Amino acid sequence: MSFRDTELGKLPCEWEVNTMENSLSEIIDYRGKTPEKSESGIVTLSAKSVKNGYIDYTSAYYISEETYKKFMVRGFPKKGDILLTTEAPLGYVAKLDRDKVAIAQRLLTLRGKEGYLDNDYLRYYLMSSNGQYQLKSRETGTTVTGIKQSEFRKAIIAIPPIEEQKAISSVLSSLDEKIEVNNQINKTLEAMAQALFKHWFVDFEFPNEDGEPYKSSVGELVESELGMIPKGWRVHRNSEVFKLLYGKALKAEDRCTGLYPVYGSNGIVGYHNEALVKGPGIVIGRKGNPGTVNFVWDDFYPIDTTFYVDSKVSKIYLYYALKVQNLDKLGTDSAVPGLNRNIAYMNLILVPNEDNLKCFDETILPILNYIKCKESENNQLLALRDTLLPKLMSGEIRVPIDQEGEI
């Protein structure tokens, strides 16, 4: 196997280097155009909908069929096309998984030339360090930086033979598909856990001393500030049950590679070699994504956009109790949404007796352990994918292909 020097570093001799303009059959750009929204109709995606590797349809909106026909004059995206965010943030990539969607602000829709550039290979190239460099080195702007379509067209890409492109993307896609299967399993398990919480602590159908549903078996209920509740249970202010403690600033450039997850207001934002808090714990978004609630099994580092919880009751119970308090609706700052802990402290919370809490923990723990196992497996798969990605994109590791183009 021989290599040659190129603008992208050393690449296999049989690989080409070309511009995006020459490698793509479509570059659809609707930046600067905002269609009128509708209550229903055609799903419309903006940069907010494109995460790094997938599309979040919860942040999509709708336009009418009539608006769609008038608006989509620059081209129609197709299933399999690649979406690229052009600013705020620049460089997030996802594959379109359906037809008939509208594309709005800060997105490019990309389609490789048939037989020359495979869309899946394009997606992984743009996610790679080389691809990201090609984007970031061409960004402009001051307050908000981004890449113009004219500059994107000049970005260069390594082009292996088409069958090798498909083989590379197949290897990486198989890892991503396994990750997505695990994510779906965990969503189902989490829904089961939340349903169990509701059954016990909202519907009051937890097992009584005889193992029968409490409320259906005419268990005694008493008046409270939250309405009728099981006898022996109590209603408190949040402030009487737990404390919200501030996370500590830890910039990305100050983090040292390690095993401890660093939590921001919307989940893990990196890893560090030191932990600030002993697990298990609860992290609540304070700034940016206020009121988000995350359960953390192991020791962790919450940064200054979060609170972490010091609790007098079971953290497992408290995690689910906080998720139904709608803390995200308590944001007070206008420019940057924020959660005021003094306001959060005023919420009422139901505290069951110790026996019920212990029984709930024991019942739900196998579900949570399985979720943890799948999360751990995904972390290993992500690490493997991220290790393979630059090596496959540079030809350092080659995927063997037989004469029929099969791996």
Protein backbone atom coordinates (compact mmCIF):
# COMPACT_ATOMS: atom_id res chain seq x y z
CA MET A 1 0.00 0.00 0.00
CA SER A 2 1.59 3.30 -1.12
CA PHE A 3 0.78 6.86 -0.06
CA ARG A 4 1.25 10.30 -1.56
CA ASP A 5 1.35 13.78 -0.07
CA THR A 6 -1.82 15.86 -0.59
CA GLU A 7 -3.45 19.00 0.79
CA LEU A 8 -5.12 16.68 3.32
CA GLY A 9 -1.88 14.99 4.35
CA LYS A 10 -0.73 11.53 3.28
CA LEU A 11 -3.43 9.55 1.48
CA PRO A 12 -3.46 6.27 -0.46
CA CYS A 13 -2.24 6.82 -4.02
CA GLU A 14 -5.53 5.66 -5.55
CA TRP A 15 -7.58 8.22 -3.56
CA GLU A 16 -8.50 11.55 -5.14
CA VAL A 17 -8.72 14.98 -3.53
CA ASN A 18 -11.48 17.21 -4.86
CA THR A 19 -13.59 20.21 -3.92
CA MET A 20 -17.08 19.94 -2.49
CA GLU A 21 -18.37 21.84 -5.52
CA ASN A 22 -16.99 19.20 -7.90
CA SER A 23 -18.06 16.27 -5.71
CA LEU A 24 -21.68 17.18 -4.99
CA SER A 25 -24.66 17.05 -7.32
CA GLU A 26 -26.78 19.25 -5.02
CA ILE A 27 -26.06 22.03 -2.54
CA ILE A 28 -29.45 23.33 -1.41
CA ASP A 29 -29.29 26.51 0.65
CA TYR A 30 -32.31 28.21 2.25
CA ARG A 31 -30.40 30.48 4.58
CA GLY A 32 -31.95 33.90 5.02
CA LYS A 33 -35.44 32.58 4.27
CA THR A 34 -37.98 31.88 7.01
CA PRO A 35 -41.29 30.36 5.90
CA GLU A 36 -44.50 31.22 7.74
CA LYS A 37 -45.24 28.66 10.45
CA SER A 38 -48.41 26.59 10.65
CA GLU A 39 -50.14 24.45 13.27
CA SER A 40 -49.73 21.37 11.05
CA GLY A 41 -48.50 20.38 7.62
CA ILE A 42 -44.92 19.80 6.39
CA VAL A 43 -42.17 19.20 8.96
CA THR A 44 -39.62 22.03 8.76
CA LEU A 45 -36.05 21.75 10.03
CA SER A 46 -33.62 24.48 11.02
CA ALA A 47 -30.13 24.29 12.53
CA LYS A 48 -31.72 23.72 15.95
CA SER A 49 -32.98 20.36 14.70
CA VAL A 50 -29.58 19.01 13.63
CA LYS A 51 -27.49 17.52 16.40
CA ASN A 52 -24.13 15.90 15.79
CA GLY A 53 -25.17 12.68 14.08
CA TYR A 54 -28.96 12.76 14.30
CA ILE A 55 -32.05 14.91 13.73
CA ASP A 56 -34.07 16.10 16.73
CA TYR A 57 -37.61 16.42 15.43
CA THR A 58 -38.88 17.81 18.75
CA SER A 59 -37.43 21.19 17.79
CA ALA A 60 -38.95 21.13 14.29
CA TYR A 61 -42.02 23.14 13.30
CA TYR A 62 -44.61 23.03 10.51
CA ILE A 63 -45.47 24.98 7.39
CA SER A 64 -48.57 24.53 5.29
CA GLU A 65 -48.63 22.51 2.07
CA GLU A 66 -49.24 25.73 0.12
CA THR A 67 -46.29 27.50 1.76
CA TYR A 68 -44.10 24.45 1.13
CA LYS A 69 -44.78 24.57 -2.62
CA LYS A 70 -44.04 28.33 -2.77
CA PHE A 71 -41.04 28.24 -0.43
CA MET A 72 -39.04 25.26 -1.72
CA VAL A 73 -37.99 26.84 -5.00
CA ARG A 74 -34.25 26.20 -4.53
CA GLY A 75 -34.63 22.42 -4.50
CA PHE A 76 -36.30 19.59 -2.62
CA PRO A 77 -34.34 17.61 -0.01
CA LYS A 78 -34.58 13.83 -0.30
CA LYS A 79 -34.24 10.96 2.13
CA GLY A 80 -30.53 10.12 2.41
CA ASP A 81 -29.34 13.70 1.88
CA ILE A 82 -26.84 15.12 4.37
CA LEU A 83 -27.73 18.19 6.45
CA LEU A 84 -24.94 20.50 7.61
CA THR A 85 -25.30 23.39 10.06
CA THR A 86 -23.54 26.50 8.79
CA GLU A 87 -23.53 28.55 12.00
CA ALA A 88 -24.56 28.50 15.68
CA PRO A 89 -23.08 25.91 15.73
CA LEU A 90 -21.03 25.31 12.59
CA GLY A 91 -20.34 21.76 11.48
CA TYR A 92 -23.10 19.59 12.95
CA VAL A 93 -24.06 16.83 10.51
CA ALA A 94 -27.02 14.47 10.17
CA LYS A 95 -28.58 12.22 7.54
CA LEU A 96 -32.13 13.00 6.42
CA ASP A 97 -34.30 9.97 7.14
CA ARG A 98 -37.48 10.95 5.29
CA ASP A 99 -38.77 12.67 2.18
CA LYS A 100 -40.94 15.79 1.97
CA VAL A 101 -39.46 18.02 4.63
CA ALA A 102 -38.76 21.73 4.42
CA ILE A 103 -35.31 23.09 5.24
CA ALA A 104 -35.03 26.57 6.72
CA GLN A 105 -32.35 28.62 8.42
CA ARG A 106 -28.61 27.96 8.77
CA LEU A 107 -28.60 24.61 6.98
CA LEU A 108 -27.11 23.21 3.78
CA THR A 109 -28.62 20.12 2.17
CA LEU A 110 -25.92 18.08 0.43
CA ARG A 111 -26.09 15.22 -2.08
CA GLY A 112 -23.05 13.44 -3.49
CA LYS A 113 -22.63 12.82 -7.20
CA GLU A 114 -24.00 9.37 -7.93
CA GLY A 115 -21.24 6.81 -8.36
CA TYR A 116 -18.61 9.28 -7.19
CA LEU A 117 -19.39 10.41 -3.62
CA ASP A 118 -21.42 8.28 -1.21
CA ASN A 119 -23.67 10.34 1.09
CA ASP A 120 -22.83 8.30 4.18
CA TYR A 121 -19.13 8.64 3.49
CA LEU A 122 -19.66 12.42 3.08
CA ARG A 123 -21.41 12.54 6.47
CA TYR A 124 -18.53 10.83 8.26
CA TYR A 125 -15.93 12.88 6.42
CA LEU A 126 -17.60 16.10 7.60
CA MET A 127 -17.59 14.74 11.16
CA SER A 128 -13.88 13.87 10.98
CA SER A 129 -11.07 16.18 12.07
CA ASN A 130 -10.12 16.84 8.42
CA GLY A 131 -13.71 17.67 7.51
CA GLN A 132 -14.19 19.91 10.53
CA TYR A 133 -10.94 21.72 9.77
CA GLN A 134 -12.10 22.38 6.21
CA LEU A 135 -15.22 24.04 7.62
CA LYS A 136 -13.71 25.92 10.57
CA SER A 137 -10.80 27.29 8.54
CA ARG A 138 -13.30 28.94 6.19
CA GLU A 139 -15.68 30.42 8.74
CA THR A 140 -16.17 34.18 8.96
CA GLY A 141 -18.01 36.60 11.23
CA THR A 142 -17.53 38.24 14.61
CA THR A 143 -20.42 37.79 17.05
CA VAL A 144 -21.74 34.71 15.24
CA THR A 145 -19.32 32.86 12.99
CA GLY A 146 -20.32 30.63 10.11
CA ILE A 147 -19.42 29.46 6.63
CA LYS A 148 -20.78 30.95 3.41
CA GLN A 149 -21.93 28.63 0.65
CA SER A 150 -19.27 30.06 -1.65
CA GLU A 151 -16.57 29.11 0.86
CA PHE A 152 -18.06 25.68 1.52
CA ARG A 153 -17.83 24.90 -2.19
CA LYS A 154 -14.05 25.40 -1.96
CA ALA A 155 -13.62 22.92 0.92
CA ILE A 156 -11.75 19.79 -0.14
CA ILE A 157 -12.52 16.16 0.53
CA ALA A 158 -10.64 12.87 0.19
CA ILE A 159 -12.37 10.63 -2.38
CA PRO A 160 -11.58 6.90 -2.18
CA PRO A 161 -13.01 4.58 -4.85
CA ILE A 162 -16.80 4.45 -4.42
CA GLU A 163 -16.86 0.85 -3.17
CA GLU A 164 -14.29 1.70 -0.53
CA GLN A 165 -16.34 4.73 0.50
CA LYS A 166 -19.34 2.47 1.03
CA ALA A 167 -17.23 -0.02 2.97
CA ILE A 168 -15.89 2.72 5.27
CA SER A 169 -19.35 4.13 5.93
CA SER A 170 -20.71 0.62 6.50
CA VAL A 171 -18.20 -0.01 9.30
CA LEU A 172 -18.97 3.31 10.98
CA SER A 173 -22.73 3.03 10.41
CA SER A 174 -22.82 -0.40 12.06
CA LEU A 175 -21.44 1.18 15.23
CA ASP A 176 -23.90 4.07 15.06
CA GLU A 177 -26.80 1.69 14.48
CA LYS A 178 -25.87 -0.33 17.56
CA ILE A 179 -25.66 2.90 19.56
CA GLU A 180 -29.12 3.91 18.32
CA VAL A 181 -30.57 0.48 19.21
CA ASN A 182 -29.22 0.90 22.74
CA ASN A 183 -30.66 4.42 22.89
CA GLN A 184 -34.09 3.12 21.91
CA ILE A 185 -33.88 0.34 24.50
CA ASN A 186 -33.01 2.90 27.16
CA LYS A 187 -35.89 5.17 26.10
CA THR A 188 -38.28 2.25 26.52
CA LEU A 189 -36.83 1.31 29.90
CA GLU A 190 -36.94 4.92 31.08
CA ALA A 191 -40.59 5.16 30.02
CA MET A 192 -41.30 1.97 32.01
CA ALA A 193 -39.57 3.43 35.07
CA GLN A 194 -41.55 6.66 34.81
CA ALA A 195 -44.78 4.70 34.40
CA LEU A 196 -43.95 2.72 37.54
CA PHE A 197 -43.25 5.95 39.44
CA LYS A 198 -46.63 7.35 38.36
CA HIS A 199 -48.42 4.11 39.27
CA TRP A 200 -46.97 4.17 42.78
CA PHE A 201 -46.69 7.85 43.67
CA VAL A 202 -49.36 9.58 41.59
CA ASP A 203 -52.05 6.89 41.31
CA PHE A 204 -51.08 5.49 44.77
CA GLU A 205 -51.24 1.90 43.53
CA PHE A 206 -48.01 0.84 45.26
CA PRO A 207 -48.19 -2.62 46.87
CA ASN A 208 -49.68 -2.65 50.38
CA GLU A 209 -48.65 -5.05 53.14
CA ASP A 210 -50.50 -7.86 51.33
CA GLY A 211 -48.95 -7.05 47.97
CA GLU A 212 -52.21 -5.56 46.67
CA PRO A 213 -52.56 -2.12 44.98
CA TYR A 214 -52.97 0.36 47.85
CA LYS A 215 -55.67 2.69 46.53
CA SER A 216 -57.71 -0.03 44.77
CA SER A 217 -57.63 -2.01 48.01
CA VAL A 218 -59.23 0.92 49.82
CA GLY A 219 -56.00 2.11 51.41
CA GLU A 220 -56.56 5.06 53.71
CA LEU A 221 -56.06 8.52 52.19
CA VAL A 222 -55.80 11.81 54.09
CA GLU A 223 -56.07 15.49 53.15
CA SER A 224 -52.90 17.43 52.26
CA GLU A 225 -51.77 20.53 50.38
CA LEU A 226 -51.49 18.30 47.31
CA GLY A 227 -54.91 16.74 47.76
CA MET A 228 -55.60 13.27 49.09
CA ILE A 229 -52.45 11.24 49.85
CA PRO A 230 -51.76 7.90 51.57
CA LYS A 231 -51.76 7.98 55.35
CA GLY A 232 -48.27 8.34 56.80
CA TRP A 233 -46.92 10.26 53.80
CA ARG A 234 -45.95 13.92 54.08
CA VAL A 235 -45.92 17.05 51.91
CA HIS A 236 -42.92 19.39 52.21
CA ARG A 237 -41.38 22.32 50.41
CA ASN A 238 -38.45 21.33 48.22
CA SER A 239 -36.20 23.35 50.51
CA GLU A 240 -37.02 20.99 53.40
CA VAL A 241 -36.05 17.88 51.43
CA PHE A 242 -32.95 18.80 49.42
CA LYS A 243 -30.43 21.54 48.65
CA LEU A 244 -29.40 22.81 45.24
CA LEU A 245 -25.64 23.38 45.24
CA TYR A 246 -23.79 25.31 42.55
CA GLY A 247 -21.53 23.49 40.10
CA LYS A 248 -18.02 24.80 39.55
CA ALA A 249 -16.56 26.44 36.43
CA LEU A 250 -14.39 24.15 34.32
CA LYS A 251 -13.61 25.42 30.81
CA ALA A 252 -13.02 22.90 28.06
CA GLU A 253 -9.37 23.95 27.74
CA ASP A 254 -8.84 23.33 31.46
CA ARG A 255 -10.12 19.75 31.41
CA CYS A 256 -7.65 16.89 31.61
CA THR A 257 -8.52 13.62 29.91
CA GLY A 258 -10.04 11.29 32.48
CA LEU A 259 -12.91 9.01 33.42
CA TYR A 260 -15.20 11.43 35.23
CA PRO A 261 -18.11 12.89 33.21
CA VAL A 262 -18.42 16.66 33.16
CA TYR A 263 -22.07 17.71 33.28
CA GLY A 264 -23.52 20.87 31.79
CA SER A 265 -27.14 21.96 31.81
CA ASN A 266 -28.13 19.45 29.14
CA GLY A 267 -26.01 16.42 29.99
CA ILE A 268 -22.42 15.29 29.53
CA VAL A 269 -20.20 17.92 27.88
CA GLY A 270 -16.85 16.19 28.33
CA TYR A 271 -14.63 14.26 30.75
CA HIS A 272 -12.05 15.21 33.39
CA ASN A 273 -9.48 13.46 35.58
CA GLU A 274 -11.07 14.71 38.79
CA ALA A 275 -14.60 14.56 40.18
CA LEU A 276 -16.32 17.28 42.18
CA VAL A 277 -19.23 15.21 43.52
CA LYS A 278 -19.57 11.61 44.66
CA GLY A 279 -22.17 9.57 42.77
CA PRO A 280 -24.92 8.67 42.55
CA GLY A 281 -26.28 12.15 42.15
CA ILE A 282 -28.72 14.45 40.40
CA VAL A 283 -27.74 17.34 38.13
CA ILE A 284 -30.24 20.10 37.31
CA GLY A 285 -29.75 22.65 34.54
CA ARG A 286 -29.33 26.19 35.89
CA LYS A 287 -28.39 28.24 32.81
CA GLY A 288 -28.92 27.58 29.12
CA ASN A 289 -31.27 24.62 29.56
CA PRO A 290 -32.79 25.39 32.97
CA GLY A 291 -34.72 22.69 34.78
CA THR A 292 -33.33 19.67 32.91
CA VAL A 293 -32.86 16.76 35.32
CA ASN A 294 -30.13 14.11 34.92
CA PHE A 295 -29.39 11.12 37.13
CA VAL A 296 -25.68 10.28 37.44
CA TRP A 297 -24.48 6.92 38.74
CA ASP A 298 -20.80 7.53 39.28
CA ASP A 299 -18.62 10.37 40.58
CA PHE A 300 -18.95 13.44 38.35
CA TYR A 301 -18.08 17.10 37.80
CA PRO A 302 -21.04 19.52 37.47
CA ILE A 303 -20.02 22.84 35.91
CA ASP A 304 -21.32 26.30 36.80
CA THR A 305 -24.35 26.14 34.48
CA THR A 306 -25.83 23.49 36.78
CA PHE A 307 -26.99 22.70 40.28
CA TYR A 308 -26.31 19.36 41.93
CA VAL A 309 -28.54 17.91 44.65
CA ASP A 310 -27.79 17.22 48.30
CA SER A 311 -30.78 15.15 49.41
CA LYS A 312 -32.34 13.80 52.59
CA VAL A 313 -34.38 11.17 50.69
CA SER A 314 -33.68 8.48 48.11
CA LYS A 315 -32.03 10.06 45.05
CA ILE A 316 -33.76 7.55 42.79
CA TYR A 317 -37.19 8.63 44.04
CA LEU A 318 -36.18 12.28 44.00
CA TYR A 319 -34.96 12.07 40.40
CA TYR A 320 -38.40 11.00 39.17
CA ALA A 321 -40.21 13.39 41.51
CA LEU A 322 -38.21 16.33 40.15
CA LYS A 323 -38.85 15.31 36.54
CA VAL A 324 -42.60 15.84 37.08
CA GLN A 325 -42.15 19.24 38.77
CA ASN A 326 -41.68 21.05 35.42
CA LEU A 327 -38.66 22.96 36.68
CA ASP A 328 -37.95 24.05 33.11
CA LYS A 329 -41.01 26.32 33.33
CA LEU A 330 -39.47 28.28 36.22
CA GLY A 331 -36.76 30.04 34.16
CA THR A 332 -36.63 33.75 35.04
CA ASP A 333 -33.85 35.40 33.01
CA SER A 334 -34.91 36.72 29.62
CA ALA A 335 -31.62 36.88 27.67
CA VAL A 336 -30.23 33.61 29.04
CA PRO A 337 -32.91 31.37 30.54
CA GLY A 338 -32.09 30.48 34.15
CA LEU A 339 -33.49 28.51 37.08
CA ASN A 340 -33.74 30.48 40.32
CA ARG A 341 -33.20 27.98 43.14
CA ASN A 342 -35.23 30.05 45.64
CA ILE A 343 -38.24 29.75 43.36
CA ALA A 344 -37.56 26.03 42.87
CA TYR A 345 -37.37 25.60 46.64
CA MET A 346 -40.99 26.81 46.96
CA ASN A 347 -42.40 23.83 45.03
CA LEU A 348 -44.23 21.21 47.03
CA ILE A 349 -42.99 17.62 47.02
CA LEU A 350 -44.63 14.44 48.27
CA VAL A 351 -42.42 12.31 50.52
CA PRO A 352 -43.57 8.68 51.03
CA ASN A 353 -42.60 6.71 54.14
CA GLU A 354 -39.25 4.91 54.31
CA ASP A 355 -40.67 1.45 53.60
CA ASN A 356 -42.29 2.63 50.36
CA LEU A 357 -39.12 4.41 49.27
CA LYS A 358 -36.99 1.36 49.97
CA CYS A 359 -39.41 -0.92 48.11
CA PHE A 360 -39.45 1.45 45.11
CA ASP A 361 -35.65 1.55 44.97
CA GLU A 362 -35.43 -2.24 45.07
CA THR A 363 -38.10 -2.63 42.37
CA ILE A 364 -36.70 -0.09 39.95
CA LEU A 365 -32.99 -0.75 40.49
CA PRO A 366 -32.76 -3.64 37.94
CA ILE A 367 -34.23 -1.33 35.25
CA LEU A 368 -31.78 1.45 36.08
CA ASN A 369 -28.84 -0.97 36.17
CA TYR A 370 -29.71 -2.19 32.68
CA ILE A 371 -29.93 1.43 31.45
CA LYS A 372 -26.51 2.06 33.00
CA CYS A 373 -25.11 -1.04 31.26
CA LYS A 374 -26.37 0.16 27.86
CA GLU A 375 -24.97 3.65 28.48
CA SER A 376 -21.59 2.13 29.30
CA GLU A 377 -21.71 0.01 26.13
CA ASN A 378 -22.53 3.12 24.08
CA ASN A 379 -19.57 4.99 25.57
CA GLN A 380 -17.29 2.16 24.44
CA LEU A 381 -18.85 2.11 20.97
CA LEU A 382 -18.50 5.89 20.65
CA ALA A 383 -14.86 5.70 21.70
CA LEU A 384 -14.25 2.97 19.11
CA ARG A 385 -16.00 4.95 16.37
CA ASP A 386 -14.09 8.13 17.22
CA THR A 387 -10.82 6.17 17.17
CA LEU A 388 -11.58 4.55 13.82
CA LEU A 389 -12.98 7.65 12.11
CA PRO A 390 -9.72 9.56 11.43
CA LYS A 391 -7.82 6.37 10.61
CA LEU A 392 -10.42 5.24 8.07
CA MET A 393 -10.68 8.73 6.56
CA SER A 394 -6.93 8.95 6.04
CA GLY A 395 -6.45 5.41 4.72
CA GLU A 396 -4.29 4.48 7.70
CA ILE A 397 -6.74 1.61 8.22
CA ARG A 398 -8.21 0.08 5.04
CA VAL A 399 -11.42 -1.93 4.89
CA PRO A 400 -10.79 -5.10 2.87
CA ILE A 401 -13.19 -5.47 -0.09
CA ASP A 402 -13.62 -8.50 -2.31
CA GLN A 403 -14.05 -8.40 -6.07
CA GLU A 404 -17.82 -8.02 -5.76
CA GLY A 405 -17.38 -4.93 -3.61
CA GLU A 406 -18.38 -6.72 -0.40
CA ILE A 407 -16.60 -6.18 2.93
